[in-house]
Amino acid sequence: MKKFLLFAFILFSTHNLMAQQDTIVNSLEKNNEVKLNAVMLLVGAFEMNYERNLSDDSSAGVSVFIPFDDENLDGDLNYYISPYYRLYFSRKYAAGFFVEGFTMINSINSEERWVLDNNGNFVETKEDTYTDFALGFGVGGKWVTKRGIVFELVGGMGRNLLHADETGTTIVGKFGFNLGYRF
């Protein structure tokens, strides 16, 4: 009888320990991230990112870019909104080396041009604003600390598809050093 009770006690204790193992959650496997591009802040623009980790090797997110200092930024970009999808090639949860595919909706001012009118005189054309759509890809790396702080290096290029001739902007880029938090 003592052997049976000892056996039953060991059996139920082992079952309890296995059940407790299933409830342990890794603090790094959280699904939401917010990030700020530190490089763009230095040159006079605000770029914020939100990313949702879909699994240990993929995520989807969106970047919003708004310039606030026209003197430092050389270009006619007014803003962009860029959804993206990433694939990670690491054993860590949504971290390490990644490739990304992105789309971009951007607003660009066209270049001012001088053209000949019917009388042979040069006249300045007015500057127009165009909304364009781009497709692109990028690469980068992401590191996450145990406390959930995110460091990310990313770079990518895309091509405007709708108004590249009118704006003079065919190639668009995304790059930066993002700092953020995973929660």
Protein backbone atom coordinates (compact mmCIF):
# COMPACT_ATOMS: atom_id res chain seq x y z
CA MET A 1 0.00 0.00 0.00
CA LYS A 2 2.89 2.39 0.79
CA LYS A 3 4.44 1.66 -2.61
CA PHE A 4 1.11 2.38 -4.35
CA LEU A 5 0.71 5.72 -2.51
CA LEU A 6 4.31 6.68 -3.30
CA PHE A 7 3.78 5.79 -6.96
CA ALA A 8 0.53 7.82 -7.11
CA PHE A 9 2.20 10.81 -5.41
CA ILE A 10 5.12 10.77 -7.91
CA LEU A 11 2.74 10.39 -10.85
CA PHE A 12 0.57 13.37 -9.84
CA SER A 13 3.60 15.51 -8.96
CA THR A 14 5.12 14.90 -12.38
CA HIS A 15 1.82 15.75 -14.05
CA ASN A 16 1.66 19.05 -12.12
CA LEU A 17 5.21 19.99 -13.10
CA MET A 18 4.51 19.39 -16.78
CA ALA A 19 1.38 21.57 -16.60
CA GLN A 20 3.37 24.41 -15.07
CA GLN A 21 5.90 24.31 -17.89
CA ASP A 22 3.21 25.14 -20.44
CA THR A 23 2.27 28.39 -18.69
CA ILE A 24 5.75 29.96 -18.75
CA VAL A 25 5.83 32.86 -21.26
CA ASN A 26 9.02 34.32 -22.67
CA SER A 27 9.09 38.06 -22.09
CA LEU A 28 10.77 38.59 -25.51
CA GLU A 29 7.88 36.96 -27.38
CA LYS A 30 5.61 39.97 -27.16
CA ASN A 31 3.79 40.99 -30.30
CA ASN A 32 3.74 44.81 -30.52
CA GLU A 33 6.54 47.29 -31.17
CA VAL A 34 6.69 51.07 -31.49
CA LYS A 35 9.86 52.66 -32.87
CA LEU A 36 11.23 56.08 -33.70
CA ASN A 37 13.84 56.69 -36.41
CA ALA A 38 16.74 58.52 -34.72
CA VAL A 39 18.53 59.38 -37.99
CA MET A 40 15.51 61.18 -39.42
CA LEU A 41 15.09 63.22 -36.23
CA LEU A 42 18.66 64.52 -36.70
CA VAL A 43 18.02 65.64 -40.29
CA GLY A 44 14.64 67.24 -39.60
CA ALA A 45 11.92 64.64 -40.04
CA PHE A 46 9.69 62.55 -37.84
CA GLU A 47 9.37 58.84 -38.69
CA MET A 48 7.33 56.58 -36.42
CA ASN A 49 6.90 52.80 -36.86
CA TYR A 50 4.39 50.34 -35.49
CA GLU A 51 5.11 46.64 -36.00
CA ARG A 52 3.06 43.56 -35.12
CA ASN A 53 4.97 40.28 -34.78
CA LEU A 54 2.93 37.58 -36.48
CA SER A 55 5.18 34.63 -35.59
CA ASP A 56 8.78 33.92 -34.62
CA ASP A 57 9.94 34.63 -38.19
CA SER A 58 7.52 37.21 -39.64
CA SER A 59 5.95 40.56 -38.88
CA ALA A 60 3.92 43.33 -40.50
CA GLY A 61 4.02 47.03 -39.80
CA VAL A 62 3.63 50.58 -41.00
CA SER A 63 5.95 53.62 -41.12
CA VAL A 64 4.80 57.23 -41.17
CA PHE A 65 7.26 59.93 -42.28
CA ILE A 66 6.65 63.69 -41.89
CA PRO A 67 9.41 66.29 -42.46
CA PHE A 68 9.47 69.33 -40.19
CA ASP A 69 12.73 71.10 -41.20
CA ASP A 70 12.89 72.03 -44.89
CA GLU A 71 16.36 73.58 -44.59
CA ASN A 72 18.11 70.31 -43.71
CA LEU A 73 16.10 68.02 -45.97
CA ASP A 74 17.02 68.37 -49.62
CA GLY A 75 13.98 67.12 -51.48
CA ASP A 76 10.37 67.65 -52.28
CA LEU A 77 8.88 64.84 -50.20
CA ASN A 78 5.91 66.02 -48.12
CA TYR A 79 5.13 62.74 -46.33
CA TYR A 80 4.90 59.01 -46.79
CA ILE A 81 2.96 56.12 -45.31
CA SER A 82 4.61 52.77 -45.86
CA PRO A 83 3.13 49.37 -44.88
CA TYR A 84 5.67 46.52 -44.86
CA TYR A 85 6.04 42.78 -44.31
CA ARG A 86 9.24 41.21 -42.92
CA LEU A 87 10.77 37.73 -42.86
CA TYR A 88 13.41 37.05 -40.18
CA PHE A 89 16.28 34.60 -40.56
CA SER A 90 17.26 34.00 -36.94
CA ARG A 91 16.48 31.61 -34.12
CA LYS A 92 15.32 34.52 -31.96
CA TYR A 93 11.69 35.61 -31.85
CA ALA A 94 11.15 38.25 -34.60
CA ALA A 95 14.73 39.50 -34.41
CA GLY A 96 18.01 39.22 -36.29
CA PHE A 97 18.62 39.64 -40.03
CA PHE A 98 15.49 40.32 -42.09
CA VAL A 99 14.27 41.11 -45.59
CA GLU A 100 11.22 43.27 -46.15
CA GLY A 101 8.81 44.06 -48.92
CA PHE A 102 7.04 47.40 -48.71
CA THR A 103 4.58 49.67 -50.44
CA MET A 104 4.63 53.42 -50.08
CA ILE A 105 2.07 56.15 -50.59
CA ASN A 106 3.99 59.41 -50.84
CA SER A 107 3.29 63.06 -51.59
CA ILE A 108 5.90 64.81 -53.74
CA ASN A 109 6.14 68.36 -55.08
CA SER A 110 6.98 68.49 -58.78
CA GLU A 111 10.06 70.33 -59.92
CA GLU A 112 9.70 73.93 -61.05
CA ARG A 113 10.52 74.15 -64.76
CA TRP A 114 11.05 76.85 -67.35
CA VAL A 115 9.31 76.23 -70.66
CA LEU A 116 8.86 78.18 -73.91
CA ASP A 117 5.44 79.70 -74.51
CA ASN A 118 3.89 80.34 -77.96
CA ASN A 119 5.80 83.64 -78.32
CA GLY A 120 9.20 82.08 -77.65
CA ASN A 121 9.49 83.47 -74.11
CA PHE A 122 10.56 81.41 -71.12
CA VAL A 123 7.87 81.08 -68.47
CA GLU A 124 8.02 79.30 -65.16
CA THR A 125 5.57 76.45 -64.65
CA LYS A 126 3.90 76.25 -61.29
CA GLU A 127 4.88 73.58 -58.82
CA ASP A 128 2.27 70.85 -58.35
CA THR A 129 1.87 68.22 -55.64
CA TYR A 130 1.43 64.61 -56.67
CA THR A 131 0.50 61.55 -54.65
CA ASP A 132 2.41 58.50 -55.85
CA PHE A 133 2.53 54.80 -55.10
CA ALA A 134 5.78 52.84 -54.82
CA LEU A 135 6.81 49.21 -54.41
CA GLY A 136 10.16 48.26 -52.89
CA PHE A 137 12.28 45.96 -50.80
CA GLY A 138 14.75 46.35 -47.96
CA VAL A 139 17.12 44.55 -45.62
CA GLY A 140 18.13 45.10 -42.04
CA GLY A 141 18.84 43.76 -38.60
CA LYS A 142 16.94 43.94 -35.33
CA TRP A 143 18.16 43.38 -31.78
CA VAL A 144 15.90 43.14 -28.71
CA THR A 145 17.09 43.36 -25.09
CA LYS A 146 15.60 41.31 -22.27
CA ARG A 147 13.70 44.40 -21.10
CA GLY A 148 12.08 44.84 -24.53
CA ILE A 149 14.20 47.71 -25.90
CA VAL A 150 14.47 47.40 -29.70
CA PHE A 151 17.45 48.53 -31.85
CA GLU A 152 17.07 48.28 -35.60
CA LEU A 153 19.13 49.15 -38.69
CA VAL A 154 17.14 49.17 -41.93
CA GLY A 155 17.59 50.28 -45.54
CA GLY A 156 15.45 49.87 -48.61
CA MET A 157 14.67 51.20 -52.08
CA GLY A 158 11.49 51.38 -54.10
CA ARG A 159 10.18 52.73 -57.36
CA ASN A 160 7.33 55.21 -57.84
CA LEU A 161 4.81 53.82 -60.32
CA LEU A 162 2.30 56.59 -61.10
CA HIS A 163 3.78 60.11 -61.47
CA ALA A 164 7.53 59.60 -61.74
CA ASP A 165 7.73 61.63 -64.97
CA GLU A 166 5.87 64.64 -63.55
CA THR A 167 7.76 64.77 -60.25
CA GLY A 168 11.22 63.73 -61.40
CA THR A 169 11.32 61.26 -58.49
CA THR A 170 11.53 57.68 -59.70
CA ILE A 171 13.42 56.04 -56.83
CA VAL A 172 12.37 56.38 -53.19
CA GLY A 173 14.29 55.15 -50.17
CA LYS A 174 13.83 54.17 -46.56
CA PHE A 175 16.72 53.99 -44.14
CA GLY A 176 17.47 54.58 -40.53
CA PHE A 177 18.41 53.55 -37.05
CA ASN A 178 15.20 52.84 -35.15
CA LEU A 179 14.90 52.80 -31.37
CA GLY A 180 11.79 51.47 -29.71
CA TYR A 181 10.02 49.22 -27.27
CA ARG A 182 8.42 45.76 -27.58
CA PHE A 183 5.30 45.23 -25.50
